[in-house]
Protein backbone atom coordinates (compact mmCIF):
# COMPACT_ATOMS: atom_id res chain seq x y z
CA MET A 1 -22.04 7.36 -19.67
CA PHE A 2 -21.31 7.47 -15.94
CA ARG A 3 -24.35 7.41 -13.74
CA TRP A 4 -24.46 9.14 -10.40
CA ILE A 5 -25.64 5.98 -8.73
CA ALA A 6 -22.50 4.18 -9.70
CA GLY A 7 -20.77 6.09 -6.92
CA LEU A 8 -22.92 4.71 -4.45
CA THR A 9 -22.50 0.84 -5.19
CA THR A 10 -19.95 -1.25 -3.36
CA LEU A 11 -17.88 -4.16 -4.26
CA SER A 12 -19.11 -7.55 -3.29
CA PHE A 13 -17.59 -8.82 0.09
CA ALA A 14 -15.69 -11.52 -1.69
CA SER A 15 -14.04 -9.23 -4.09
CA HIS A 16 -13.31 -6.70 -1.47
CA THR A 17 -11.80 -9.37 0.65
CA LYS A 18 -9.66 -10.48 -2.23
CA ALA A 19 -8.62 -6.84 -2.95
CA ASN A 20 -7.53 -6.40 0.74
CA LYS A 21 -5.62 -9.70 0.87
CA GLU A 22 -3.57 -8.57 -2.12
CA MET A 23 -3.03 -5.19 -0.67
CA THR A 24 -2.00 -6.73 2.69
CA ALA A 25 0.53 -9.13 0.83
CA ILE A 26 2.06 -6.18 -1.10
CA MET A 27 2.27 -3.97 1.88
CA THR A 28 3.74 -6.94 3.85
CA LYS A 29 6.44 -7.58 1.34
CA HIS A 30 7.35 -4.01 1.12
CA SER A 31 7.57 -3.52 4.85
CA THR A 32 9.62 -6.85 5.22
CA SER A 33 12.15 -5.67 2.93
CA TYR A 34 12.34 -2.16 4.44
CA ASN A 35 12.82 -3.70 7.91
CA PHE A 36 15.92 -5.86 6.20
CA ARG A 37 17.41 -2.67 4.60
CA VAL A 38 17.34 -0.63 8.13
CA ARG A 39 18.82 -3.55 9.63
CA ASP A 40 21.57 -3.46 6.88
CA GLU A 41 22.11 0.15 7.48
CA GLU A 42 23.10 -0.10 11.24
CA GLY A 43 26.85 0.46 11.68
CA LYS A 44 27.41 1.58 8.02
CA SER A 45 28.74 4.81 6.90
CA HIS A 46 26.88 6.95 4.42
CA GLU A 47 29.45 6.04 1.83
CA GLU A 48 29.08 2.29 2.45
CA MET A 49 25.19 2.77 2.17
CA LEU A 50 25.63 4.51 -1.13
CA VAL A 51 27.64 1.73 -2.59
CA ALA A 52 25.52 -1.03 -1.01
CA THR A 53 22.30 0.40 -2.38
CA VAL A 54 23.27 1.28 -6.00
CA GLY A 55 21.03 -0.26 -8.53
CA LYS A 56 18.83 -1.74 -5.69
CA VAL A 57 15.07 -1.06 -5.38
CA ASP A 58 14.17 1.44 -2.55
CA PRO A 59 11.64 -0.48 -0.33
CA LYS A 60 10.63 2.42 1.69
CA ARG A 61 9.71 4.39 -1.57
CA HIS A 62 7.67 1.59 -2.63
CA LEU A 63 5.96 1.17 0.69
CA VAL A 64 5.08 4.78 0.65
CA SER A 65 3.71 4.53 -2.75
CA ALA A 66 1.75 1.48 -2.30
CA SER A 67 0.12 3.12 0.81
CA ILE A 68 -0.66 6.31 -1.00
CA HIS A 69 -2.32 4.27 -3.90
CA TYR A 70 -4.62 2.22 -1.65
CA GLN A 71 -5.57 4.79 0.78
CA PRO A 72 -8.37 6.47 -1.59
CA PHE A 73 -9.82 2.93 -2.07
CA ILE A 74 -10.21 2.24 1.65
CA TYR A 75 -11.58 5.84 2.35
CA ILE A 76 -14.21 5.70 -0.58
CA TYR A 77 -15.32 2.07 0.46
CA CYS A 78 -15.78 3.17 4.04
CA HIS A 79 -17.45 6.41 3.08
CA ARG A 80 -19.83 4.53 0.79
CA LYS A 81 -20.72 1.89 3.42
CA MET A 82 -21.40 4.69 5.92
CA GLU A 83 -23.74 6.64 3.53
CA LEU A 84 -25.70 3.34 2.73
CA THR A 85 -25.99 2.35 6.45
CA SER A 86 -27.27 6.13 7.57
């Protein structure tokens, strides 16, 4: 059974730091690959880009997806900390 106090508990500093490092590594990987994709697009026509990206992973979509996935965790953690310190 879920207890209401569970919503006020925070992760330990070590586990929160580990999660932040993993999240940062994922976001860095996606942003780097997106940067390469944008540089490759320069000077190419729309048809050339369609042919060049067939069957490849879209780094922008993964970057947006990862940021949407991790955003609630950051917000909830900060909100819990503010409640506990006030």
